[in-house]
Structures are given as structure tokens and as C-alpha cells.
Amino acid sequence: MRARLVPPIVLLLLLAILQWQLWNGRGSVRDVTQLRTKLADQKEANAKAALTNERLTSEVNDLKDGLEMVEERARAELGMVKPNEVFVQIAH
């Protein structure tokens, strides 16, 4: 009678081990959910960085190609004016 109980007990023990691995071990359901969340966050951050990079690339190309952009930046950021020119700033 004892020999008949050993295989079902062993199988139940293996089933319990596999269930524990599924829910708590490496590659578990919880682990996969957390990784998917991190992946979505990283994709969003990458998209924002790509937009910033495109904007900066455009600005660098404008600075390389034309002096108008340099003049505009100097006027806006440094308050520079040309000789015989009056600078008037209007606050909104």
C-alpha cells in the first residue's frame, strides 16, 4: 500500500515546485510583467530623446549653414545689437 502512494506524492511535489517556479522564480509571471513595464517606459524615454536629438540636429545644421541663426541667438540670448541700432524689449 505504501508503494502505491509514492508516485502520486512525488508527482504532487514536482507540480508544487513547478508552480512555485512559475509564480516566484526567474522568468515568473511577475518578473515578465515588471520587465514589460520597464520596456514600455524605456521606449517612451527613447522616443522623447529621439525628438530632442532631431531638434538639436536641426539647430546645429542651421548654425553651420547660416549666419542668420547665429545673429538671432546672439540677439535673443545675449542682447547684442548692431552698431547704430536701438534695442527695445517689450515684456508680455
C-alpha atoms as a PDB file:
ATOM      1  CA  MET A   1       0.000   0.000   0.000  1.00  0.00           C
ATOM      2  CA  ARG A   2       2.869   2.317   0.807  1.00  0.00           C
ATOM      3  CA  ALA A   3       4.454   1.756  -2.623  1.00  0.00           C
ATOM      4  CA  ARG A   4       1.236   2.925  -4.302  1.00  0.00           C
ATOM      5  CA  LEU A   5       1.380   6.325  -2.539  1.00  0.00           C
ATOM      6  CA  VAL A   6       4.951   7.199  -3.512  1.00  0.00           C
ATOM      7  CA  PRO A   7       4.393   8.104  -7.227  1.00  0.00           C
ATOM      8  CA  PRO A   8       1.426  10.442  -6.579  1.00  0.00           C
ATOM      9  CA  ILE A   9       3.312  12.171  -3.741  1.00  0.00           C
ATOM     10  CA  VAL A  10       6.387  12.620  -5.937  1.00  0.00           C
ATOM     11  CA  LEU A  11       4.236  13.992  -8.767  1.00  0.00           C
ATOM     12  CA  LEU A  12       2.463  16.415  -6.438  1.00  0.00           C
ATOM     13  CA  LEU A  13       5.824  17.568  -5.103  1.00  0.00           C
ATOM     14  CA  LEU A  14       7.088  18.169  -8.649  1.00  0.00           C
ATOM     15  CA  LEU A  15       3.898  20.030  -9.503  1.00  0.00           C
ATOM     16  CA  ALA A  16       4.331  22.240  -6.435  1.00  0.00           C
ATOM     17  CA  ILE A  17       7.942  23.004  -7.400  1.00  0.00           C
ATOM     18  CA  LEU A  18       6.939  23.894 -10.962  1.00  0.00           C
ATOM     19  CA  GLN A  19       4.122  26.141  -9.727  1.00  0.00           C
ATOM     20  CA  TRP A  20       6.484  27.927  -7.356  1.00  0.00           C
ATOM     21  CA  GLN A  21       8.923  28.489 -10.231  1.00  0.00           C
ATOM     22  CA  LEU A  22       6.126  29.818 -12.445  1.00  0.00           C
ATOM     23  CA  TRP A  23       4.910  32.374  -9.917  1.00  0.00           C
ATOM     24  CA  ASN A  24       8.091  33.310  -7.988  1.00  0.00           C
ATOM     25  CA  GLY A  25      11.225  32.197  -9.819  1.00  0.00           C
ATOM     26  CA  ARG A  26      13.296  33.753 -12.579  1.00  0.00           C
ATOM     27  CA  GLY A  27      11.112  34.412 -15.613  1.00  0.00           C
ATOM     28  CA  SER A  28       7.978  34.271 -13.498  1.00  0.00           C
ATOM     29  CA  VAL A  29       4.736  35.974 -14.400  1.00  0.00           C
ATOM     30  CA  ARG A  30       5.518  38.851 -12.016  1.00  0.00           C
ATOM     31  CA  ASP A  31       9.033  39.199 -13.421  1.00  0.00           C
ATOM     32  CA  VAL A  32       7.759  39.318 -17.011  1.00  0.00           C
ATOM     33  CA  THR A  33       5.159  41.954 -16.098  1.00  0.00           C
ATOM     34  CA  GLN A  34       7.811  44.146 -14.475  1.00  0.00           C
ATOM     35  CA  LEU A  35      10.096  43.782 -17.492  1.00  0.00           C
ATOM     36  CA  ARG A  36       7.278  44.740 -19.864  1.00  0.00           C
ATOM     37  CA  THR A  37       6.599  47.862 -17.805  1.00  0.00           C
ATOM     38  CA  LYS A  38      10.293  48.804 -17.842  1.00  0.00           C
ATOM     39  CA  LEU A  39      10.407  48.204 -21.597  1.00  0.00           C
ATOM     40  CA  ALA A  40       7.422  50.491 -22.197  1.00  0.00           C
ATOM     41  CA  ASP A  41       8.999  53.213 -20.027  1.00  0.00           C
ATOM     42  CA  GLN A  42      12.306  52.879 -21.860  1.00  0.00           C
ATOM     43  CA  LYS A  43      10.604  53.089 -25.274  1.00  0.00           C
ATOM     44  CA  GLU A  44       8.854  56.281 -24.176  1.00  0.00           C
ATOM     45  CA  ALA A  45      12.141  57.769 -22.959  1.00  0.00           C
ATOM     46  CA  ASN A  46      13.816  56.786 -26.232  1.00  0.00           C
ATOM     47  CA  ALA A  47      11.076  58.479 -28.251  1.00  0.00           C
ATOM     48  CA  LYS A  48      11.499  61.701 -26.251  1.00  0.00           C
ATOM     49  CA  ALA A  49      15.276  61.548 -26.684  1.00  0.00           C
ATOM     50  CA  ALA A  50      14.877  60.996 -30.435  1.00  0.00           C
ATOM     51  CA  LEU A  51      12.718  64.137 -30.721  1.00  0.00           C
ATOM     52  CA  THR A  52      15.272  66.123 -28.748  1.00  0.00           C
ATOM     53  CA  ASN A  53      18.079  64.795 -30.936  1.00  0.00           C
ATOM     54  CA  GLU A  54      16.201  65.756 -34.112  1.00  0.00           C
ATOM     55  CA  ARG A  55      15.613  69.263 -32.797  1.00  0.00           C
ATOM     56  CA  LEU A  56      19.252  69.672 -31.793  1.00  0.00           C
ATOM     57  CA  THR A  57      20.473  68.276 -35.117  1.00  0.00           C
ATOM     58  CA  SER A  58      18.291  70.776 -36.956  1.00  0.00           C
ATOM     59  CA  GLU A  59      19.617  73.595 -34.806  1.00  0.00           C
ATOM     60  CA  VAL A  60      23.237  72.540 -35.375  1.00  0.00           C
ATOM     61  CA  ASN A  61      22.664  72.403 -39.130  1.00  0.00           C
ATOM     62  CA  ASP A  62      21.115  75.875 -39.038  1.00  0.00           C
ATOM     63  CA  LEU A  63      24.114  77.179 -37.091  1.00  0.00           C
ATOM     64  CA  LYS A  64      26.526  75.612 -39.563  1.00  0.00           C
ATOM     65  CA  ASP A  65      24.711  76.840 -42.659  1.00  0.00           C
ATOM     66  CA  GLY A  66      23.587  80.356 -41.916  1.00  0.00           C
ATOM     67  CA  LEU A  67      24.698  83.400 -40.026  1.00  0.00           C
ATOM     68  CA  GLU A  68      21.084  84.467 -39.517  1.00  0.00           C
ATOM     69  CA  MET A  69      20.616  81.851 -36.825  1.00  0.00           C
ATOM     70  CA  VAL A  70      23.813  82.962 -35.090  1.00  0.00           C
ATOM     71  CA  GLU A  71      22.648  86.560 -35.205  1.00  0.00           C
ATOM     72  CA  GLU A  72      19.209  85.619 -33.880  1.00  0.00           C
ATOM     73  CA  ARG A  73      20.683  83.638 -30.973  1.00  0.00           C
ATOM     74  CA  ALA A  74      23.107  86.448 -30.132  1.00  0.00           C
ATOM     75  CA  ARG A  75      20.273  88.958 -30.082  1.00  0.00           C
ATOM     76  CA  ALA A  76      17.912  86.758 -28.048  1.00  0.00           C
ATOM     77  CA  GLU A  77      20.319  85.276 -25.524  1.00  0.00           C
ATOM     78  CA  LEU A  78      22.993  87.929 -25.193  1.00  0.00           C
ATOM     79  CA  GLY A  79      21.035  91.072 -26.046  1.00  0.00           C
ATOM     80  CA  MET A  80      23.522  92.053 -28.716  1.00  0.00           C
ATOM     81  CA  VAL A  81      22.733  94.911 -31.127  1.00  0.00           C
ATOM     82  CA  LYS A  82      24.292  96.158 -34.333  1.00  0.00           C
ATOM     83  CA  PRO A  83      26.140  99.471 -34.420  1.00  0.00           C
ATOM     84  CA  ASN A  84      23.763 102.479 -34.643  1.00  0.00           C
ATOM     85  CA  GLU A  85      20.838 100.278 -33.634  1.00  0.00           C
ATOM     86  CA  VAL A  86      18.487 100.794 -30.689  1.00  0.00           C
ATOM     87  CA  PHE A  87      17.404  97.722 -28.720  1.00  0.00           C
ATOM     88  CA  VAL A  88      13.835  97.838 -27.420  1.00  0.00           C
ATOM     89  CA  GLN A  89      12.485  94.933 -25.382  1.00  0.00           C
ATOM     90  CA  ILE A  90       8.742  94.565 -24.903  1.00  0.00           C
ATOM     91  CA  ALA A  91       7.574  92.445 -21.978  1.00  0.00           C
ATOM     92  CA  HIS A  92       4.380  90.464 -22.373  1.00  0.00           C
END
